Amino acid sequence: MEDQRTLLRDHPLKPMLDSLDDPRNQELTLYPLAEIFFLAIIGALCGCDELTVVSAFGQEKLPWFRHYYPFKHGI
């Protein structure tokens, strides 16, 4: 059985998120748009129904999230 990380890396979600244009001023941006959407989508799929719950979920699972994106500034 393939490793779950390999499956997600090869999933079309990641290239789609990586290709999004970010209209924000890059000099004022700490969190890349792809990281924000990735956290929100995975959080929603895992049952998070509020932003505070998504944030707590992301902090708890940060090592897992970093397999896919650097999350250089954390959650």
PDB file of N, CA and C in Angstrom:
ATOM      1  N   MET A   1       0.843  -1.186   0.000  1.00  0.00           N
ATOM      2  CA  MET A   1       0.000   0.000   0.000  1.00  0.00           C
ATOM      3  C   MET A   1       0.887   1.248   0.000  1.00  0.00           C
ATOM      4  N   GLU A   2       0.513   2.213  -0.828  1.00  0.00           N
ATOM      5  CA  GLU A   2       1.309   3.438  -0.908  1.00  0.00           C
ATOM      6  C   GLU A   2       1.174   4.260   0.363  1.00  0.00           C
ATOM      7  N   ASP A   3       2.232   4.943   0.686  1.00  0.00           N
ATOM      8  CA  ASP A   3       2.231   5.850   1.819  1.00  0.00           C
ATOM      9  C   ASP A   3       1.220   6.968   1.558  1.00  0.00           C
ATOM     10  N   GLN A   4       0.459   7.362   2.587  1.00  0.00           N
ATOM     11  CA  GLN A   4      -0.556   8.408   2.425  1.00  0.00           C
ATOM     12  C   GLN A   4       0.052   9.719   1.958  1.00  0.00           C
ATOM     13  N   ARG A   5       1.254  10.040   2.411  1.00  0.00           N
ATOM     14  CA  ARG A   5       1.892  11.290   1.995  1.00  0.00           C
ATOM     15  C   ARG A   5       2.159  11.280   0.496  1.00  0.00           C
ATOM     16  N   THR A   6       2.568  10.138  -0.043  1.00  0.00           N
ATOM     17  CA  THR A   6       2.814  10.031  -1.479  1.00  0.00           C
ATOM     18  C   THR A   6       1.517  10.222  -2.240  1.00  0.00           C
ATOM     19  N   LEU A   7       0.451   9.625  -1.747  1.00  0.00           N
ATOM     20  CA  LEU A   7      -0.837   9.761  -2.416  1.00  0.00           C
ATOM     21  C   LEU A   7      -1.286  11.212  -2.468  1.00  0.00           C
ATOM     22  N   LEU A   8      -1.138  11.946  -1.375  1.00  0.00           N
ATOM     23  CA  LEU A   8      -1.579  13.333  -1.360  1.00  0.00           C
ATOM     24  C   LEU A   8      -0.664  14.200  -2.207  1.00  0.00           C
ATOM     25  N   ARG A   9       0.629  13.943  -2.200  1.00  0.00           N
ATOM     26  CA  ARG A   9       1.546  14.731  -3.031  1.00  0.00           C
ATOM     27  C   ARG A   9       1.191  14.586  -4.500  1.00  0.00           C
ATOM     28  N   ASP A  10       0.724  13.417  -4.897  1.00  0.00           N
ATOM     29  CA  ASP A  10       0.373  13.167  -6.291  1.00  0.00           C
ATOM     30  C   ASP A  10      -1.070  13.551  -6.609  1.00  0.00           C
ATOM     31  N   HIS A  11      -1.826  13.956  -5.614  1.00  0.00           N
ATOM     32  CA  HIS A  11      -3.222  14.325  -5.810  1.00  0.00           C
ATOM     33  C   HIS A  11      -3.299  15.668  -6.530  1.00  0.00           C
ATOM     34  N   PRO A  12      -4.298  15.873  -7.388  1.00  0.00           N
ATOM     35  CA  PRO A  12      -4.405  17.133  -8.130  1.00  0.00           C
ATOM     36  C   PRO A  12      -4.656  18.360  -7.252  1.00  0.00           C
ATOM     37  N   LEU A  13      -5.013  18.180  -5.998  1.00  0.00           N
ATOM     38  CA  LEU A  13      -5.267  19.327  -5.123  1.00  0.00           C
ATOM     39  C   LEU A  13      -4.011  20.184  -4.952  1.00  0.00           C
ATOM     40  N   LYS A  14      -2.875  19.562  -4.709  1.00  0.00           N
ATOM     41  CA  LYS A  14      -1.654  20.331  -4.457  1.00  0.00           C
ATOM     42  C   LYS A  14      -1.233  21.176  -5.657  1.00  0.00           C
ATOM     43  N   PRO A  15      -1.145  20.618  -6.871  1.00  0.00           N
ATOM     44  CA  PRO A  15      -0.793  21.473  -8.011  1.00  0.00           C
ATOM     45  C   PRO A  15      -1.808  22.591  -8.247  1.00  0.00           C
ATOM     46  N   MET A  16      -3.089  22.297  -7.988  1.00  0.00           N
ATOM     47  CA  MET A  16      -4.102  23.327  -8.156  1.00  0.00           C
ATOM     48  C   MET A  16      -3.873  24.470  -7.164  1.00  0.00           C
ATOM     49  N   LEU A  17      -3.618  24.130  -5.906  1.00  0.00           N
ATOM     50  CA  LEU A  17      -3.367  25.165  -4.900  1.00  0.00           C
ATOM     51  C   LEU A  17      -2.087  25.931  -5.212  1.00  0.00           C
ATOM     52  N   ASP A  18      -1.066  25.226  -5.667  1.00  0.00           N
ATOM     53  CA  ASP A  18       0.210  25.866  -5.989  1.00  0.00           C
ATOM     54  C   ASP A  18       0.092  26.824  -7.170  1.00  0.00           C
ATOM     55  N   SER A  19      -0.892  26.611  -8.024  1.00  0.00           N
ATOM     56  CA  SER A  19      -1.034  27.454  -9.217  1.00  0.00           C
ATOM     57  C   SER A  19      -1.933  28.670  -8.996  1.00  0.00           C
ATOM     58  N   LEU A  20      -2.535  28.795  -7.812  1.00  0.00           N
ATOM     59  CA  LEU A  20      -3.414  29.937  -7.548  1.00  0.00           C
ATOM     60  C   LEU A  20      -2.626  31.242  -7.564  1.00  0.00           C
ATOM     61  N   ASP A  21      -3.204  32.252  -8.195  1.00  0.00           N
ATOM     62  CA  ASP A  21      -2.613  33.589  -8.148  1.00  0.00           C
ATOM     63  C   ASP A  21      -2.995  34.235  -6.828  1.00  0.00           C
ATOM     64  N   ASP A  22      -2.033  34.810  -6.167  1.00  0.00           N
ATOM     65  CA  ASP A  22      -2.264  35.467  -4.880  1.00  0.00           C
ATOM     66  C   ASP A  22      -2.282  36.978  -5.107  1.00  0.00           C
ATOM     67  N   PRO A  23      -3.457  37.612  -5.000  1.00  0.00           N
ATOM     68  CA  PRO A  23      -3.554  39.046  -5.283  1.00  0.00           C
ATOM     69  C   PRO A  23      -3.039  39.935  -4.151  1.00  0.00           C
ATOM     70  N   ARG A  24      -2.657  39.345  -3.034  1.00  0.00           N
ATOM     71  CA  ARG A  24      -2.223  40.141  -1.887  1.00  0.00           C
ATOM     72  C   ARG A  24      -0.835  40.728  -2.117  1.00  0.00           C
ATOM     73  N   ASN A  25      -0.528  41.792  -1.405  1.00  0.00           N
ATOM     74  CA  ASN A  25       0.795  42.411  -1.450  1.00  0.00           C
ATOM     75  C   ASN A  25       1.783  41.437  -0.807  1.00  0.00           C
ATOM     76  N   GLN A  26       2.714  40.915  -1.594  1.00  0.00           N
ATOM     77  CA  GLN A  26       3.637  39.887  -1.109  1.00  0.00           C
ATOM     78  C   GLN A  26       4.562  40.381  -0.003  1.00  0.00           C
ATOM     79  N   GLU A  27       4.817  41.679   0.036  1.00  0.00           N
ATOM     80  CA  GLU A  27       5.673  42.233   1.095  1.00  0.00           C
ATOM     81  C   GLU A  27       4.981  42.205   2.456  1.00  0.00           C
ATOM     82  N   LEU A  28       3.655  42.147   2.443  1.00  0.00           N
ATOM     83  CA  LEU A  28       2.891  42.156   3.692  1.00  0.00           C
ATOM     84  C   LEU A  28       2.293  40.786   4.021  1.00  0.00           C
ATOM     85  N   THR A  29       2.671  39.776   3.272  1.00  0.00           N
ATOM     86  CA  THR A  29       2.063  38.453   3.400  1.00  0.00           C
ATOM     87  C   THR A  29       2.980  37.502   4.161  1.00  0.00           C
ATOM     88  N   LEU A  30       2.489  36.951   5.267  1.00  0.00           N
ATOM     89  CA  LEU A  30       3.246  35.944   6.024  1.00  0.00           C
ATOM     90  C   LEU A  30       2.886  34.524   5.602  1.00  0.00           C
ATOM     91  N   TYR A  31       1.620  34.302   5.277  1.00  0.00           N
ATOM     92  CA  TYR A  31       1.130  32.957   5.001  1.00  0.00           C
ATOM     93  C   TYR A  31       0.786  32.815   3.525  1.00  0.00           C
ATOM     94  N   PRO A  32       1.473  31.931   2.806  1.00  0.00           N
ATOM     95  CA  PRO A  32       1.146  31.714   1.395  1.00  0.00           C
ATOM     96  C   PRO A  32      -0.301  31.242   1.231  1.00  0.00           C
ATOM     97  N   LEU A  33      -0.926  31.700   0.163  1.00  0.00           N
ATOM     98  CA  LEU A  33      -2.323  31.372  -0.091  1.00  0.00           C
ATOM     99  C   LEU A  33      -2.549  29.863  -0.152  1.00  0.00           C
ATOM    100  N   ALA A  34      -1.634  29.134  -0.770  1.00  0.00           N
ATOM    101  CA  ALA A  34      -1.782  27.678  -0.877  1.00  0.00           C
ATOM    102  C   ALA A  34      -1.833  27.027   0.509  1.00  0.00           C
ATOM    103  N   GLU A  35      -1.026  27.514   1.446  1.00  0.00           N
ATOM    104  CA  GLU A  35      -1.037  26.963   2.811  1.00  0.00           C
ATOM    105  C   GLU A  35      -2.372  27.240   3.498  1.00  0.00           C
ATOM    106  N   ILE A  36      -2.905  28.440   3.311  1.00  0.00           N
ATOM    107  CA  ILE A  36      -4.177  28.808   3.937  1.00  0.00           C
ATOM    108  C   ILE A  36      -5.297  27.908   3.424  1.00  0.00           C
ATOM    109  N   PHE A  37      -5.383  27.776   2.099  1.00  0.00           N
ATOM    110  CA  PHE A  37      -6.436  26.944   1.521  1.00  0.00           C
ATOM    111  C   PHE A  37      -6.245  25.470   1.872  1.00  0.00           C
ATOM    112  N   PHE A  38      -5.007  25.000   1.885  1.00  0.00           N
ATOM    113  CA  PHE A  38      -4.743  23.605   2.232  1.00  0.00           C
ATOM    114  C   PHE A  38      -5.223  23.312   3.652  1.00  0.00           C
ATOM    115  N   LEU A  39      -4.867  24.175   4.586  1.00  0.00           N
ATOM    116  CA  LEU A  39      -5.304  24.011   5.973  1.00  0.00           C
ATOM    117  C   LEU A  39      -6.827  24.043   6.071  1.00  0.00           C
ATOM    118  N   ALA A  40      -7.455  24.995   5.387  1.00  0.00           N
ATOM    119  CA  ALA A  40      -8.918  25.125   5.447  1.00  0.00           C
ATOM    120  C   ALA A  40      -9.615  23.902   4.855  1.00  0.00           C
ATOM    121  N   ILE A  41      -9.134  23.428   3.715  1.00  0.00           N
ATOM    122  CA  ILE A  41      -9.765  22.273   3.062  1.00  0.00           C
ATOM    123  C   ILE A  41      -9.597  21.013   3.900  1.00  0.00           C
ATOM    124  N   ILE A  42      -8.385  20.742   4.351  1.00  0.00           N
ATOM    125  CA  ILE A  42      -8.158  19.539   5.162  1.00  0.00           C
ATOM    126  C   ILE A  42      -8.928  19.640   6.478  1.00  0.00           C
ATOM    127  N   GLY A  43      -8.920  20.822   7.081  1.00  0.00           N
ATOM    128  CA  GLY A  43      -9.683  21.016   8.313  1.00  0.00           C
ATOM    129  C   GLY A  43     -11.165  20.739   8.117  1.00  0.00           C
ATOM    130  N   ALA A  44     -11.734  21.264   7.033  1.00  0.00           N
ATOM    131  CA  ALA A  44     -13.155  21.034   6.751  1.00  0.00           C
ATOM    132  C   ALA A  44     -13.434  19.554   6.511  1.00  0.00           C
ATOM    133  N   LEU A  45     -12.556  18.895   5.770  1.00  0.00           N
ATOM    134  CA  LEU A  45     -12.734  17.459   5.523  1.00  0.00           C
ATOM    135  C   LEU A  45     -12.661  16.641   6.807  1.00  0.00           C
ATOM    136  N   CYS A  46     -11.936  17.158   7.797  1.00  0.00           N
ATOM    137  CA  CYS A  46     -11.788  16.451   9.077  1.00  0.00           C
ATOM    138  C   CYS A  46     -12.815  16.899  10.110  1.00  0.00           C
ATOM    139  N   GLY A  47     -13.784  17.706   9.693  1.00  0.00           N
ATOM    140  CA  GLY A  47     -14.887  18.051  10.578  1.00  0.00           C
ATOM    141  C   GLY A  47     -14.778  19.376  11.303  1.00  0.00           C
ATOM    142  N   CYS A  48     -13.761  20.164  11.018  1.00  0.00           N
ATOM    143  CA  CYS A  48     -13.632  21.481  11.659  1.00  0.00           C
ATOM    144  C   CYS A  48     -14.692  22.408  11.073  1.00  0.00           C
ATOM    145  N   ASP A  49     -15.508  23.004  11.935  1.00  0.00           N
ATOM    146  CA  ASP A  49     -16.601  23.838  11.439  1.00  0.00           C
ATOM    147  C   ASP A  49     -16.495  25.301  11.868  1.00  0.00           C
ATOM    148  N   GLU A  50     -15.400  25.683  12.479  1.00  0.00           N
ATOM    149  CA  GLU A  50     -15.147  27.072  12.865  1.00  0.00           C
ATOM    150  C   GLU A  50     -13.666  27.358  12.664  1.00  0.00           C
ATOM    151  N   LEU A  51     -13.346  28.627  12.410  1.00  0.00           N
ATOM    152  CA  LEU A  51     -11.942  28.986  12.184  1.00  0.00           C
ATOM    153  C   LEU A  51     -11.065  28.674  13.387  1.00  0.00           C
ATOM    154  N   THR A  52     -11.591  28.869  14.588  1.00  0.00           N
ATOM    155  CA  THR A  52     -10.788  28.565  15.773  1.00  0.00           C
ATOM    156  C   THR A  52     -10.494  27.067  15.867  1.00  0.00           C
ATOM    157  N   VAL A  53     -11.438  26.256  15.429  1.00  0.00           N
ATOM    158  CA  VAL A  53     -11.242  24.803  15.436  1.00  0.00           C
ATOM    159  C   VAL A  53     -10.226  24.414  14.360  1.00  0.00           C
ATOM    160  N   VAL A  54     -10.307  25.061  13.189  1.00  0.00           N
ATOM    161  CA  VAL A  54      -9.328  24.810  12.122  1.00  0.00           C
ATOM    162  C   VAL A  54      -7.930  25.164  12.614  1.00  0.00           C
ATOM    163  N   SER A  55      -7.807  26.301  13.287  1.00  0.00           N
ATOM    164  CA  SER A  55      -6.511  26.739  13.810  1.00  0.00           C
ATOM    165  C   SER A  55      -5.959  25.745  14.833  1.00  0.00           C
ATOM    166  N   ALA A  56      -6.787  25.323  15.770  1.00  0.00           N
ATOM    167  CA  ALA A  56      -6.351  24.355  16.786  1.00  0.00           C
ATOM    168  C   ALA A  56      -5.964  23.026  16.135  1.00  0.00           C
ATOM    169  N   PHE A  57      -6.753  22.602  15.165  1.00  0.00           N
ATOM    170  CA  PHE A  57      -6.459  21.369  14.428  1.00  0.00           C
ATOM    171  C   PHE A  57      -5.112  21.488  13.716  1.00  0.00           C
ATOM    172  N   GLY A  58      -4.890  22.623  13.058  1.00  0.00           N
ATOM    173  CA  GLY A  58      -3.634  22.848  12.348  1.00  0.00           C
ATOM    174  C   GLY A  58      -2.435  22.846  13.274  1.00  0.00           C
ATOM    175  N   GLN A  59      -2.580  23.450  14.432  1.00  0.00           N
ATOM    176  CA  GLN A  59      -1.477  23.471  15.401  1.00  0.00           C
ATOM    177  C   GLN A  59      -1.171  22.070  15.910  1.00  0.00           C
ATOM    178  N   GLU A  60      -2.227  21.307  16.158  1.00  0.00           N
ATOM    179  CA  GLU A  60      -2.040  19.941  16.654  1.00  0.00           C
ATOM    180  C   GLU A  60      -1.391  19.042  15.601  1.00  0.00           C
ATOM    181  N   LYS A  61      -1.739  19.253  14.349  1.00  0.00           N
ATOM    182  CA  LYS A  61      -1.262  18.395  13.258  1.00  0.00           C
ATOM    183  C   LYS A  61      -0.164  19.054  12.424  1.00  0.00           C
ATOM    184  N   LEU A  62       0.472  20.100  12.945  1.00  0.00           N
ATOM    185  CA  LEU A  62       1.469  20.853  12.188  1.00  0.00           C
ATOM    186  C   LEU A  62       2.571  19.975  11.591  1.00  0.00           C
ATOM    187  N   PRO A  63       3.128  19.011  12.322  1.00  0.00           N
ATOM    188  CA  PRO A  63       4.154  18.159  11.693  1.00  0.00           C
ATOM    189  C   PRO A  63       3.632  17.447  10.438  1.00  0.00           C
ATOM    190  N   TRP A  64       2.386  17.009  10.470  1.00  0.00           N
ATOM    191  CA  TRP A  64       1.787  16.354   9.301  1.00  0.00           C
ATOM    192  C   TRP A  64       1.633  17.352   8.156  1.00  0.00           C
ATOM    193  N   PHE A  65       1.132  18.549   8.460  1.00  0.00           N
ATOM    194  CA  PHE A  65       0.946  19.566   7.429  1.00  0.00           C
ATOM    195  C   PHE A  65       2.275  19.938   6.772  1.00  0.00           C
ATOM    196  N   ARG A  66       3.344  19.903   7.536  1.00  0.00           N
ATOM    197  CA  ARG A  66       4.659  20.280   7.000  1.00  0.00           C
ATOM    198  C   ARG A  66       5.240  19.236   6.042  1.00  0.00           C
ATOM    199  N   HIS A  67       4.596  18.103   5.912  1.00  0.00           N
ATOM    200  CA  HIS A  67       5.009  17.150   4.876  1.00  0.00           C
ATOM    201  C   HIS A  67       4.668  17.690   3.492  1.00  0.00           C
ATOM    202  N   TYR A  68       3.725  18.615   3.422  1.00  0.00           N
ATOM    203  CA  TYR A  68       3.204  19.100   2.144  1.00  0.00           C
ATOM    204  C   TYR A  68       3.563  20.548   1.856  1.00  0.00           C
ATOM    205  N   TYR A  69       3.593  21.379   2.893  1.00  0.00           N
ATOM    206  CA  TYR A  69       3.957  22.789   2.769  1.00  0.00           C
ATOM    207  C   TYR A  69       4.824  23.151   3.967  1.00  0.00           C
ATOM    208  N   PRO A  70       5.697  24.157   3.827  1.00  0.00           N
ATOM    209  CA  PRO A  70       6.625  24.468   4.927  1.00  0.00           C
ATOM    210  C   PRO A  70       5.968  25.059   6.175  1.00  0.00           C
ATOM    211  N   PHE A  71       4.881  25.794   6.035  1.00  0.00           N
ATOM    212  CA  PHE A  71       4.262  26.467   7.183  1.00  0.00           C
ATOM    213  C   PHE A  71       5.350  27.134   8.028  1.00  0.00           C
ATOM    214  N   LYS A  72       6.181  27.916   7.346  1.00  0.00           N
ATOM    215  CA  LYS A  72       7.344  28.579   7.953  1.00  0.00           C
ATOM    216  C   LYS A  72       6.969  29.423   9.171  1.00  0.00           C
ATOM    217  N   HIS A  73       5.801  30.029   9.144  1.00  0.00           N
ATOM    218  CA  HIS A  73       5.358  30.879  10.253  1.00  0.00           C
ATOM    219  C   HIS A  73       4.341  30.170  11.148  1.00  0.00           C
ATOM    220  N   GLY A  74       4.275  28.860  11.049  1.00  0.00           N
ATOM    221  CA  GLY A  74       3.336  28.097  11.865  1.00  0.00           C
ATOM    222  C   GLY A  74       1.918  28.239  11.357  1.00  0.00           C
ATOM    223  N   ILE A  75       0.994  28.092  12.286  1.00  0.00           N
ATOM    224  CA  ILE A  75      -0.435  28.188  11.957  1.00  0.00           C
ATOM    225  C   ILE A  75      -0.971  29.490  12.519  1.00  0.00           C
TER     226      ILE A  75
END
